[in-house]
């Protein structure tokens, strides 16, 4: 899957994605950030409210639109262009008419 060239031209930044490998005995997540994969992206300010599974409200401060076409989890790690690794609030992956992931939106708190 690939994005329309005009849309891809808007993704001028790079984000690194590292899936969750597991958790230690204390529940601390483990990632292989050194072997993470980088993707074209666009990070911008956002102010969106979401409800967690437990019903509590969370606010996203940033949203990243990423040329990432495989399923990801909110438990995965993402390193932003400035080197920060903010907490993922929500992941949205719209699909096209064939059921394939069109792109990935990640909202950060």
PDB file of N, CA and C in Angstrom:
ATOM      1  N   UNK A   1       0.857  -1.181   0.000  1.00  0.00           N
ATOM      2  CA  UNK A   1       0.000   0.000   0.000  1.00  0.00           C
ATOM      3  C   UNK A   1       0.894   1.232   0.000  1.00  0.00           C
ATOM      4  N   UNK A   2       0.500   2.226  -0.746  1.00  0.00           N
ATOM      5  CA  UNK A   2       1.234   3.482  -0.733  1.00  0.00           C
ATOM      6  C   UNK A   2       0.247   4.630  -0.807  1.00  0.00           C
ATOM      7  N   UNK A   3       0.678   5.739  -0.299  1.00  0.00           N
ATOM      8  CA  UNK A   3      -0.161   6.932  -0.298  1.00  0.00           C
ATOM      9  C   UNK A   3      -0.063   7.655  -1.632  1.00  0.00           C
ATOM     10  N   UNK A   4      -1.052   8.458  -1.904  1.00  0.00           N
ATOM     11  CA  UNK A   4      -1.047   9.341  -3.053  1.00  0.00           C
ATOM     12  C   UNK A   4       0.208  10.220  -2.950  1.00  0.00           C
ATOM     13  N   UNK A   5       0.939  10.450  -4.043  1.00  0.00           N
ATOM     14  CA  UNK A   5       2.164  11.255  -3.990  1.00  0.00           C
ATOM     15  C   UNK A   5       1.974  12.635  -3.367  1.00  0.00           C
ATOM     16  N   UNK A   6       0.820  13.266  -3.610  1.00  0.00           N
ATOM     17  CA  UNK A   6       0.569  14.586  -3.024  1.00  0.00           C
ATOM     18  C   UNK A   6       0.458  14.501  -1.504  1.00  0.00           C
ATOM     19  N   UNK A   7      -0.167  13.451  -1.009  1.00  0.00           N
ATOM     20  CA  UNK A   7      -0.263  13.263   0.446  1.00  0.00           C
ATOM     21  C   UNK A   7       1.101  12.913   1.034  1.00  0.00           C
ATOM     22  N   UNK A   8       1.817  12.043   0.353  1.00  0.00           N
ATOM     23  CA  UNK A   8       3.138  11.645   0.830  1.00  0.00           C
ATOM     24  C   UNK A   8       4.085  12.841   0.908  1.00  0.00           C
ATOM     25  N   UNK A   9       3.937  13.797  -0.001  1.00  0.00           N
ATOM     26  CA  UNK A   9       4.783  14.996  -0.003  1.00  0.00           C
ATOM     27  C   UNK A   9       4.559  15.844   1.253  1.00  0.00           C
ATOM     28  N   UNK A  10       3.402  15.691   1.893  1.00  0.00           N
ATOM     29  CA  UNK A  10       3.113  16.459   3.114  1.00  0.00           C
ATOM     30  C   UNK A  10       3.757  15.834   4.358  1.00  0.00           C
ATOM     31  N   UNK A  11       4.196  14.588   4.239  1.00  0.00           N
ATOM     32  CA  UNK A  11       4.814  13.902   5.374  1.00  0.00           C
ATOM     33  C   UNK A  11       6.319  14.178   5.358  1.00  0.00           C
ATOM     34  N   UNK A  12       6.694  15.326   5.885  1.00  0.00           N
ATOM     35  CA  UNK A  12       8.069  15.815   5.775  1.00  0.00           C
ATOM     36  C   UNK A  12       8.939  15.506   6.987  1.00  0.00           C
ATOM     37  N   UNK A  13       8.379  14.828   7.974  1.00  0.00           N
ATOM     38  CA  UNK A  13       9.128  14.473   9.176  1.00  0.00           C
ATOM     39  C   UNK A  13       9.288  12.959   9.224  1.00  0.00           C
ATOM     40  N   UNK A  14      10.000  12.481  10.229  1.00  0.00           N
ATOM     41  CA  UNK A  14      10.211  11.044  10.392  1.00  0.00           C
ATOM     42  C   UNK A  14       9.890  10.639  11.819  1.00  0.00           C
ATOM     43  N   UNK A  15       9.166   9.537  11.950  1.00  0.00           N
ATOM     44  CA  UNK A  15       8.840   8.958  13.255  1.00  0.00           C
ATOM     45  C   UNK A  15       9.364   7.537  13.279  1.00  0.00           C
ATOM     46  N   UNK A  16       9.899   7.130  14.407  1.00  0.00           N
ATOM     47  CA  UNK A  16      10.371   5.760  14.571  1.00  0.00           C
ATOM     48  C   UNK A  16       9.368   4.980  15.412  1.00  0.00           C
ATOM     49  N   UNK A  17       9.024   3.794  14.946  1.00  0.00           N
ATOM     50  CA  UNK A  17       8.063   2.924  15.623  1.00  0.00           C
ATOM     51  C   UNK A  17       8.779   1.676  16.122  1.00  0.00           C
ATOM     52  N   UNK A  18       8.536   1.329  17.387  1.00  0.00           N
ATOM     53  CA  UNK A  18       9.068   0.096  17.972  1.00  0.00           C
ATOM     54  C   UNK A  18       7.931  -0.617  18.693  1.00  0.00           C
ATOM     55  N   UNK A  19       7.583  -1.832  18.261  1.00  0.00           N
ATOM     56  CA  UNK A  19       6.488  -2.540  18.919  1.00  0.00           C
ATOM     57  C   UNK A  19       6.859  -2.973  20.334  1.00  0.00           C
ATOM     58  N   UNK A  20       5.841  -3.148  21.142  1.00  0.00           N
ATOM     59  CA  UNK A  20       6.018  -3.646  22.504  1.00  0.00           C
ATOM     60  C   UNK A  20       6.531  -5.076  22.432  1.00  0.00           C
ATOM     61  N   UNK A  21       7.661  -5.347  23.110  1.00  0.00           N
ATOM     62  CA  UNK A  21       8.214  -6.701  23.148  1.00  0.00           C
ATOM     63  C   UNK A  21       7.606  -7.514  24.283  1.00  0.00           C
ATOM     64  N   UNK A  22       7.275  -6.837  25.362  1.00  0.00           N
ATOM     65  CA  UNK A  22       6.723  -7.506  26.534  1.00  0.00           C
ATOM     66  C   UNK A  22       6.858  -6.603  27.745  1.00  0.00           C
ATOM     67  N   UNK A  23       6.540  -7.144  28.893  1.00  0.00           N
ATOM     68  CA  UNK A  23       6.640  -6.392  30.144  1.00  0.00           C
ATOM     69  C   UNK A  23       7.427  -7.209  31.154  1.00  0.00           C
ATOM     70  N   UNK A  24       8.143  -6.508  32.036  1.00  0.00           N
ATOM     71  CA  UNK A  24       8.894  -7.212  33.071  1.00  0.00           C
ATOM     72  C   UNK A  24       7.954  -7.577  34.227  1.00  0.00           C
ATOM     73  N   UNK A  25       8.505  -8.126  35.278  1.00  0.00           N
ATOM     74  CA  UNK A  25       7.707  -8.578  36.425  1.00  0.00           C
ATOM     75  C   UNK A  25       6.960  -7.437  37.103  1.00  0.00           C
ATOM     76  N   UNK A  26       7.404  -6.202  36.879  1.00  0.00           N
ATOM     77  CA  UNK A  26       6.763  -5.030  37.485  1.00  0.00           C
ATOM     78  C   UNK A  26       5.805  -4.326  36.521  1.00  0.00           C
ATOM     79  N   UNK A  27       5.641  -4.883  35.341  1.00  0.00           N
ATOM     80  CA  UNK A  27       4.738  -4.296  34.353  1.00  0.00           C
ATOM     81  C   UNK A  27       5.358  -3.217  33.493  1.00  0.00           C
ATOM     82  N   UNK A  28       6.668  -3.013  33.617  1.00  0.00           N
ATOM     83  CA  UNK A  28       7.354  -1.991  32.823  1.00  0.00           C
ATOM     84  C   UNK A  28       7.526  -2.509  31.393  1.00  0.00           C
ATOM     85  N   UNK A  29       7.083  -1.734  30.393  1.00  0.00           N
ATOM     86  CA  UNK A  29       7.185  -2.208  29.007  1.00  0.00           C
ATOM     87  C   UNK A  29       8.617  -2.241  28.505  1.00  0.00           C
ATOM     88  N   UNK A  30       8.873  -3.163  27.575  1.00  0.00           N
ATOM     89  CA  UNK A  30      10.191  -3.284  26.947  1.00  0.00           C
ATOM     90  C   UNK A  30      10.023  -3.121  25.440  1.00  0.00           C
ATOM     91  N   UNK A  31      10.894  -2.303  24.837  1.00  0.00           N
ATOM     92  CA  UNK A  31      10.872  -2.031  23.409  1.00  0.00           C
ATOM     93  C   UNK A  31      12.267  -2.209  22.837  1.00  0.00           C
ATOM     94  N   UNK A  32      12.362  -2.504  21.559  1.00  0.00           N
ATOM     95  CA  UNK A  32      13.641  -2.559  20.860  1.00  0.00           C
ATOM     96  C   UNK A  32      13.781  -1.278  20.053  1.00  0.00           C
ATOM     97  N   UNK A  33      13.953  -0.148  20.748  1.00  0.00           N
ATOM     98  CA  UNK A  33      14.020   1.149  20.060  1.00  0.00           C
ATOM     99  C   UNK A  33      15.193   1.233  19.102  1.00  0.00           C
ATOM    100  N   UNK A  34      16.303   0.573  19.435  1.00  0.00           N
ATOM    101  CA  UNK A  34      17.477   0.630  18.567  1.00  0.00           C
ATOM    102  C   UNK A  34      17.198  -0.004  17.210  1.00  0.00           C
ATOM    103  N   UNK A  35      16.285  -0.951  17.167  1.00  0.00           N
ATOM    104  CA  UNK A  35      15.954  -1.592  15.893  1.00  0.00           C
ATOM    105  C   UNK A  35      14.571  -1.166  15.384  1.00  0.00           C
ATOM    106  N   UNK A  36      14.085  -0.025  15.883  1.00  0.00           N
ATOM    107  CA  UNK A  36      12.797   0.503  15.426  1.00  0.00           C
ATOM    108  C   UNK A  36      12.859   0.884  13.952  1.00  0.00           C
ATOM    109  N   UNK A  37      11.698   0.981  13.328  1.00  0.00           N
ATOM    110  CA  UNK A  37      11.604   1.316  11.905  1.00  0.00           C
ATOM    111  C   UNK A  37      11.107   2.755  11.768  1.00  0.00           C
ATOM    112  N   UNK A  38      11.749   3.523  10.888  1.00  0.00           N
ATOM    113  CA  UNK A  38      11.365   4.921  10.674  1.00  0.00           C
ATOM    114  C   UNK A  38      10.409   5.035   9.496  1.00  0.00           C
ATOM    115  N   UNK A  39       9.450   5.959   9.635  1.00  0.00           N
ATOM    116  CA  UNK A  39       8.416   6.172   8.620  1.00  0.00           C
ATOM    117  C   UNK A  39       8.243   7.671   8.363  1.00  0.00           C
ATOM    118  N   UNK A  40       7.877   8.043   7.125  1.00  0.00           N
ATOM    119  CA  UNK A  40       7.519   9.435   6.861  1.00  0.00           C
ATOM    120  C   UNK A  40       6.271   9.801   7.672  1.00  0.00           C
ATOM    121  N   UNK A  41       6.269  11.021   8.209  1.00  0.00           N
ATOM    122  CA  UNK A  41       5.153  11.426   9.065  1.00  0.00           C
ATOM    123  C   UNK A  41       4.996  12.937   9.064  1.00  0.00           C
ATOM    124  N   UNK A  42       3.897  13.356   9.671  1.00  0.00           N
ATOM    125  CA  UNK A  42       3.649  14.780   9.920  1.00  0.00           C
ATOM    126  C   UNK A  42       3.079  14.873  11.321  1.00  0.00           C
ATOM    127  N   UNK A  43       3.767  15.600  12.185  1.00  0.00           N
ATOM    128  CA  UNK A  43       3.335  15.775  13.567  1.00  0.00           C
ATOM    129  C   UNK A  43       2.809  17.195  13.718  1.00  0.00           C
ATOM    130  N   UNK A  44       1.644  17.315  14.338  1.00  0.00           N
ATOM    131  CA  UNK A  44       1.070  18.644  14.556  1.00  0.00           C
ATOM    132  C   UNK A  44       0.372  18.696  15.906  1.00  0.00           C
ATOM    133  N   UNK A  45       0.124  19.910  16.349  1.00  0.00           N
ATOM    134  CA  UNK A  45      -0.589  20.116  17.606  1.00  0.00           C
ATOM    135  C   UNK A  45      -2.018  19.622  17.450  1.00  0.00           C
ATOM    136  N   UNK A  46      -2.566  19.139  18.552  1.00  0.00           N
ATOM    137  CA  UNK A  46      -3.960  18.680  18.551  1.00  0.00           C
ATOM    138  C   UNK A  46      -4.541  18.951  19.920  1.00  0.00           C
ATOM    139  N   UNK A  47      -5.818  19.054  19.981  1.00  0.00           N
ATOM    140  CA  UNK A  47      -6.511  19.167  21.255  1.00  0.00           C
ATOM    141  C   UNK A  47      -7.786  18.349  21.124  1.00  0.00           C
ATOM    142  N   UNK A  48      -7.645  17.047  21.387  1.00  0.00           N
ATOM    143  CA  UNK A  48      -8.780  16.125  21.257  1.00  0.00           C
ATOM    144  C   UNK A  48      -8.950  15.371  22.557  1.00  0.00           C
ATOM    145  N   UNK A  49     -10.191  15.172  22.928  1.00  0.00           N
ATOM    146  CA  UNK A  49     -10.501  14.407  24.130  1.00  0.00           C
ATOM    147  C   UNK A  49     -10.984  13.027  23.739  1.00  0.00           C
ATOM    148  N   UNK A  50     -10.532  12.041  24.496  1.00  0.00           N
ATOM    149  CA  UNK A  50     -10.941  10.661  24.288  1.00  0.00           C
ATOM    150  C   UNK A  50     -11.287  10.045  25.630  1.00  0.00           C
ATOM    151  N   UNK A  51     -12.018   8.966  25.600  1.00  0.00           N
ATOM    152  CA  UNK A  51     -12.293   8.175  26.796  1.00  0.00           C
ATOM    153  C   UNK A  51     -11.491   6.884  26.705  1.00  0.00           C
ATOM    154  N   UNK A  52     -10.817   6.547  27.797  1.00  0.00           N
ATOM    155  CA  UNK A  52     -10.100   5.279  27.882  1.00  0.00           C
ATOM    156  C   UNK A  52     -11.086   4.140  28.075  1.00  0.00           C
ATOM    157  N   UNK A  53     -10.580   2.930  28.064  1.00  0.00           N
ATOM    158  CA  UNK A  53     -11.421   1.752  28.280  1.00  0.00           C
ATOM    159  C   UNK A  53     -12.095   1.795  29.646  1.00  0.00           C
ATOM    160  N   UNK A  54     -11.435   2.432  30.622  1.00  0.00           N
ATOM    161  CA  UNK A  54     -12.019   2.509  31.969  1.00  0.00           C
ATOM    162  C   UNK A  54     -12.980   3.690  32.125  1.00  0.00           C
ATOM    163  N   UNK A  55     -13.182   4.460  31.046  1.00  0.00           N
ATOM    164  CA  UNK A  55     -14.120   5.576  31.064  1.00  0.00           C
ATOM    165  C   UNK A  55     -13.516   6.909  31.448  1.00  0.00           C
ATOM    166  N   UNK A  56     -12.242   6.922  31.847  1.00  0.00           N
ATOM    167  CA  UNK A  56     -11.617   8.194  32.209  1.00  0.00           C
ATOM    168  C   UNK A  56     -11.281   8.988  30.952  1.00  0.00           C
ATOM    169  N   UNK A  57     -11.291  10.306  31.086  1.00  0.00           N
ATOM    170  CA  UNK A  57     -11.031  11.186  29.959  1.00  0.00           C
ATOM    171  C   UNK A  57      -9.537  11.475  29.841  1.00  0.00           C
ATOM    172  N   UNK A  58      -9.024  11.421  28.623  1.00  0.00           N
ATOM    173  CA  UNK A  58      -7.635  11.782  28.338  1.00  0.00           C
ATOM    174  C   UNK A  58      -7.635  12.806  27.216  1.00  0.00           C
ATOM    175  N   UNK A  59      -6.629  13.658  27.212  1.00  0.00           N
ATOM    176  CA  UNK A  59      -6.522  14.701  26.194  1.00  0.00           C
ATOM    177  C   UNK A  59      -5.259  14.481  25.378  1.00  0.00           C
ATOM    178  N   UNK A  60      -5.408  14.516  24.066  1.00  0.00           N
ATOM    179  CA  UNK A  60      -4.255  14.422  23.176  1.00  0.00           C
ATOM    180  C   UNK A  60      -3.753  15.821  22.864  1.00  0.00           C
ATOM    181  N   UNK A  61      -2.443  16.007  22.946  1.00  0.00           N
ATOM    182  CA  UNK A  61      -1.827  17.296  22.651  1.00  0.00           C
ATOM    183  C   UNK A  61      -1.186  17.318  21.266  1.00  0.00           C
ATOM    184  N   UNK A  62      -0.857  16.127  20.740  1.00  0.00           N
ATOM    185  CA  UNK A  62      -0.215  16.007  19.429  1.00  0.00           C
ATOM    186  C   UNK A  62      -0.882  14.897  18.640  1.00  0.00           C
ATOM    187  N   UNK A  63      -0.847  15.023  17.327  1.00  0.00           N
ATOM    188  CA  UNK A  63      -1.285  13.948  16.445  1.00  0.00           C
ATOM    189  C   UNK A  63      -0.214  13.757  15.377  1.00  0.00           C
ATOM    190  N   UNK A  64       0.057  12.499  15.061  1.00  0.00           N
ATOM    191  CA  UNK A  64       1.004  12.184  14.000  1.00  0.00           C
ATOM    192  C   UNK A  64       0.277  11.396  12.919  1.00  0.00           C
ATOM    193  N   UNK A  65       0.412  11.854  11.686  1.00  0.00           N
ATOM    194  CA  UNK A  65      -0.089  11.123  10.526  1.00  0.00           C
ATOM    195  C   UNK A  65       1.136  10.423   9.942  1.00  0.00           C
ATOM    196  N   UNK A  66       1.068   9.098   9.853  1.00  0.00           N
ATOM    197  CA  UNK A  66       2.243   8.297   9.518  1.00  0.00           C
ATOM    198  C   UNK A  66       1.958   7.394   8.327  1.00  0.00           C
ATOM    199  N   UNK A  67       2.918   7.279   7.426  1.00  0.00           N
ATOM    200  CA  UNK A  67       2.819   6.347   6.303  1.00  0.00           C
ATOM    201  C   UNK A  67       3.198   4.957   6.808  1.00  0.00           C
ATOM    202  N   UNK A  68       2.348   4.437   7.671  1.00  0.00           N
ATOM    203  CA  UNK A  68       2.557   3.131   8.307  1.00  0.00           C
ATOM    204  C   UNK A  68       1.311   2.309   8.010  1.00  0.00           C
ATOM    205  N   UNK A  69       1.483   1.171   7.359  1.00  0.00           N
ATOM    206  CA  UNK A  69       0.351   0.414   6.838  1.00  0.00           C
ATOM    207  C   UNK A  69       0.141  -0.936   7.514  1.00  0.00           C
ATOM    208  N   UNK A  70       0.886  -1.216   8.575  1.00  0.00           N
ATOM    209  CA  UNK A  70       0.696  -2.445   9.336  1.00  0.00           C
ATOM    210  C   UNK A  70      -0.010  -2.113  10.643  1.00  0.00           C
ATOM    211  N   UNK A  71      -0.724  -3.080  11.213  1.00  0.00           N
ATOM    212  CA  UNK A  71      -1.396  -2.826  12.495  1.00  0.00           C
ATOM    213  C   UNK A  71      -0.397  -2.467  13.593  1.00  0.00           C
ATOM    214  N   UNK A  72      -0.759  -1.496  14.415  1.00  0.00           N
ATOM    215  CA  UNK A  72       0.055  -1.105  15.573  1.00  0.00           C
ATOM    216  C   UNK A  72      -0.846  -1.069  16.801  1.00  0.00           C
ATOM    217  N   UNK A  73      -0.215  -1.013  17.950  1.00  0.00           N
ATOM    218  CA  UNK A  73      -0.934  -1.022  19.223  1.00  0.00           C
ATOM    219  C   UNK A  73      -0.660   0.274  19.975  1.00  0.00           C
ATOM    220  N   UNK A  74      -1.614   0.737  20.783  1.00  0.00           N
ATOM    221  CA  UNK A  74      -1.343   1.900  21.637  1.00  0.00           C
ATOM    222  C   UNK A  74      -0.233   1.640  22.650  1.00  0.00           C
ATOM    223  N   UNK A  75       0.120   0.375  22.842  1.00  0.00           N
ATOM    224  CA  UNK A  75       1.214   0.026  23.760  1.00  0.00           C
ATOM    225  C   UNK A  75       2.585   0.132  23.105  1.00  0.00           C
ATOM    226  N   UNK A  76       2.627   0.324  21.786  1.00  0.00           N
ATOM    227  CA  UNK A  76       3.900   0.458  21.078  1.00  0.00           C
ATOM    228  C   UNK A  76       4.556   1.797  21.410  1.00  0.00           C
ATOM    229  N   UNK A  77       5.842   1.905  21.102  1.00  0.00           N
ATOM    230  CA  UNK A  77       6.587   3.150  21.331  1.00  0.00           C
ATOM    231  C   UNK A  77       6.790   3.878  20.004  1.00  0.00           C
ATOM    232  N   UNK A  78       6.714   5.195  20.067  1.00  0.00           N
ATOM    233  CA  UNK A  78       6.956   6.047  18.907  1.00  0.00           C
ATOM    234  C   UNK A  78       7.917   7.141  19.327  1.00  0.00           C
ATOM    235  N   UNK A  79       8.988   7.319  18.565  1.00  0.00           N
ATOM    236  CA  UNK A  79       9.952   8.388  18.830  1.00  0.00           C
ATOM    237  C   UNK A  79       9.699   9.491  17.811  1.00  0.00           C
ATOM    238  N   UNK A  80       9.390  10.683  18.317  1.00  0.00           N
ATOM    239  CA  UNK A  80       9.056  11.816  17.458  1.00  0.00           C
ATOM    240  C   UNK A  80      10.324  12.455  16.887  1.00  0.00           C
ATOM    241  N   UNK A  81      10.170  13.339  15.900  1.00  0.00           N
ATOM    242  CA  UNK A  81      11.336  13.972  15.279  1.00  0.00           C
ATOM    243  C   UNK A  81      12.247  14.707  16.263  1.00  0.00           C
ATOM    244  N   UNK A  82      11.683  15.230  17.369  1.00  0.00           N
ATOM    245  CA  UNK A  82      12.509  15.932  18.358  1.00  0.00           C
ATOM    246  C   UNK A  82      13.175  14.989  19.349  1.00  0.00           C
ATOM    247  N   UNK A  83      12.999  13.671  19.173  1.00  0.00           N
ATOM    248  CA  UNK A  83      13.622  12.683  20.052  1.00  0.00           C
ATOM    249  C   UNK A  83      12.771  12.299  21.247  1.00  0.00           C
ATOM    250  N   UNK A  84      11.637  12.965  21.430  1.00  0.00           N
ATOM    251  CA  UNK A  84      10.775  12.642  22.568  1.00  0.00           C
ATOM    252  C   UNK A  84       9.974  11.373  22.293  1.00  0.00           C
ATOM    253  N   UNK A  85       9.478  10.786  23.356  1.00  0.00           N
ATOM    254  CA  UNK A  85       8.684   9.567  23.263  1.00  0.00           C
ATOM    255  C   UNK A  85       7.443   9.736  24.145  1.00  0.00           C
ATOM    256  N   UNK A  86       6.479  10.559  23.696  1.00  0.00           N
ATOM    257  CA  UNK A  86       5.305  10.833  24.523  1.00  0.00           C
ATOM    258  C   UNK A  86       4.382   9.618  24.626  1.00  0.00           C
ATOM    259  N   UNK A  87       3.514   9.670  25.615  1.00  0.00           N
ATOM    260  CA  UNK A  87       2.559   8.589  25.846  1.00  0.00           C
ATOM    261  C   UNK A  87       1.507   8.571  24.736  1.00  0.00           C
ATOM    262  N   UNK A  88       1.238   7.387  24.218  1.00  0.00           N
ATOM    263  CA  UNK A  88       0.205   7.218  23.198  1.00  0.00           C
ATOM    264  C   UNK A  88      -1.157   7.212  23.875  1.00  0.00           C
ATOM    265  N   UNK A  89      -2.055   8.051  23.386  1.00  0.00           N
ATOM    266  CA  UNK A  89      -3.411   8.134  23.916  1.00  0.00           C
ATOM    267  C   UNK A  89      -4.348   7.254  23.095  1.00  0.00           C
ATOM    268  N   UNK A  90      -4.177   7.286  21.771  1.00  0.00           N
ATOM    269  CA  UNK A  90      -5.049   6.514  20.885  1.00  0.00           C
ATOM    270  C   UNK A  90      -4.367   6.305  19.549  1.00  0.00           C
ATOM    271  N   UNK A  91      -4.678   5.182  18.912  1.00  0.00           N
ATOM    272  CA  UNK A  91      -4.212   4.883  17.560  1.00  0.00           C
ATOM    273  C   UNK A  91      -5.445   4.702  16.685  1.00  0.00           C
ATOM    274  N   UNK A  92      -5.425   5.350  15.515  1.00  0.00           N
ATOM    275  CA  UNK A  92      -6.521   5.208  14.551  1.00  0.00           C
ATOM    276  C   UNK A  92      -5.902   4.833  13.212  1.00  0.00           C
ATOM    277  N   UNK A  93      -6.406   3.748  12.613  1.00  0.00           N
ATOM    278  CA  UNK A  93      -5.893   3.305  11.325  1.00  0.00           C
ATOM    279  C   UNK A  93      -7.061   3.120  10.350  1.00  0.00           C
ATOM    280  N   UNK A  94      -7.426   4.200   9.625  1.00  0.00           N
ATOM    281  CA  UNK A  94      -8.519   4.076   8.660  1.00  0.00           C
ATOM    282  C   UNK A  94      -8.158   3.087   7.556  1.00  0.00           C
ATOM    283  N   UNK A  95      -9.162   2.404   7.049  1.00  0.00           N
ATOM    284  CA  UNK A  95      -8.934   1.437   5.978  1.00  0.00           C
ATOM    285  C   UNK A  95      -9.558   1.936   4.682  1.00  0.00           C
ATOM    286  N   UNK A  96      -9.018   1.463   3.554  1.00  0.00           N
ATOM    287  CA  UNK A  96      -9.572   1.829   2.255  1.00  0.00           C
ATOM    288  C   UNK A  96     -10.707   0.868   1.895  1.00  0.00           C
ATOM    289  N   UNK A  97     -11.214   0.992   0.691  1.00  0.00           N
ATOM    290  CA  UNK A  97     -12.351   0.178   0.270  1.00  0.00           C
ATOM    291  C   UNK A  97     -12.021  -1.311   0.173  1.00  0.00           C
ATOM    292  N   UNK A  98     -10.739  -1.662   0.143  1.00  0.00           N
ATOM    293  CA  UNK A  98     -10.350  -3.076   0.079  1.00  0.00           C
ATOM    294  C   UNK A  98     -10.074  -3.655   1.465  1.00  0.00           C
ATOM    295  N   UNK A  99     -10.168  -2.808   2.491  1.00  0.00           N
ATOM    296  CA  UNK A  99      -9.912  -3.276   3.850  1.00  0.00           C
ATOM    297  C   UNK A  99      -8.468  -3.129   4.295  1.00  0.00           C
ATOM    298  N   UNK A 100      -7.619  -2.557   3.456  1.00  0.00           N
ATOM    299  CA  UNK A 100      -6.214  -2.342   3.828  1.00  0.00           C
ATOM    300  C   UNK A 100      -6.055  -1.014   4.567  1.00  0.00           C
ATOM    301  N   UNK A 101      -5.101  -0.973   5.471  1.00  0.00           N
ATOM    302  CA  UNK A 101      -4.834   0.243   6.243  1.00  0.00           C
ATOM    303  C   UNK A 101      -4.351   1.336   5.286  1.00  0.00           C
ATOM    304  N   UNK A 102      -5.017   2.495   5.330  1.00  0.00           N
ATOM    305  CA  UNK A 102      -4.680   3.612   4.443  1.00  0.00           C
ATOM    306  C   UNK A 102      -3.487   4.400   4.974  1.00  0.00           C
ATOM    307  N   UNK A 103      -3.477   4.672   6.273  1.00  0.00           N
ATOM    308  CA  UNK A 103      -2.379   5.336   6.962  1.00  0.00           C
ATOM    309  C   UNK A 103      -2.626   5.157   8.461  1.00  0.00           C
ATOM    310  N   UNK A 104      -1.749   5.684   9.281  1.00  0.00           N
ATOM    311  CA  UNK A 104      -1.897   5.557  10.729  1.00  0.00           C
ATOM    312  C   UNK A 104      -1.899   6.933  11.362  1.00  0.00           C
ATOM    313  N   UNK A 105      -2.845   7.147  12.261  1.00  0.00           N
ATOM    314  CA  UNK A 105      -2.883   8.369  13.083  1.00  0.00           C
ATOM    315  C   UNK A 105      -2.600   7.946  14.513  1.00  0.00           C
ATOM    316  N   UNK A 106      -1.641   8.607  15.137  1.00  0.00           N
ATOM    317  CA  UNK A 106      -1.328   8.332  16.540  1.00  0.00           C
ATOM    318  C   UNK A 106      -1.512   9.632  17.305  1.00  0.00           C
ATOM    319  N   UNK A 107      -2.314   9.574  18.361  1.00  0.00           N
ATOM    320  CA  UNK A 107      -2.565  10.727  19.218  1.00  0.00           C
ATOM    321  C   UNK A 107      -1.745  10.556  20.487  1.00  0.00           C
ATOM    322  N   UNK A 108      -1.021  11.623  20.863  1.00  0.00           N
ATOM    323  CA  UNK A 108      -0.141  11.597  22.019  1.00  0.00           C
ATOM    324  C   UNK A 108      -0.636  12.560  23.089  1.00  0.00           C
ATOM    325  N   UNK A 109      -0.499  12.156  24.348  1.00  0.00           N
ATOM    326  CA  UNK A 109      -0.919  12.987  25.472  1.00  0.00           C
ATOM    327  C   UNK A 109       0.194  13.853  25.985  1.00  0.00           C
TER     328      UNK A 109
END
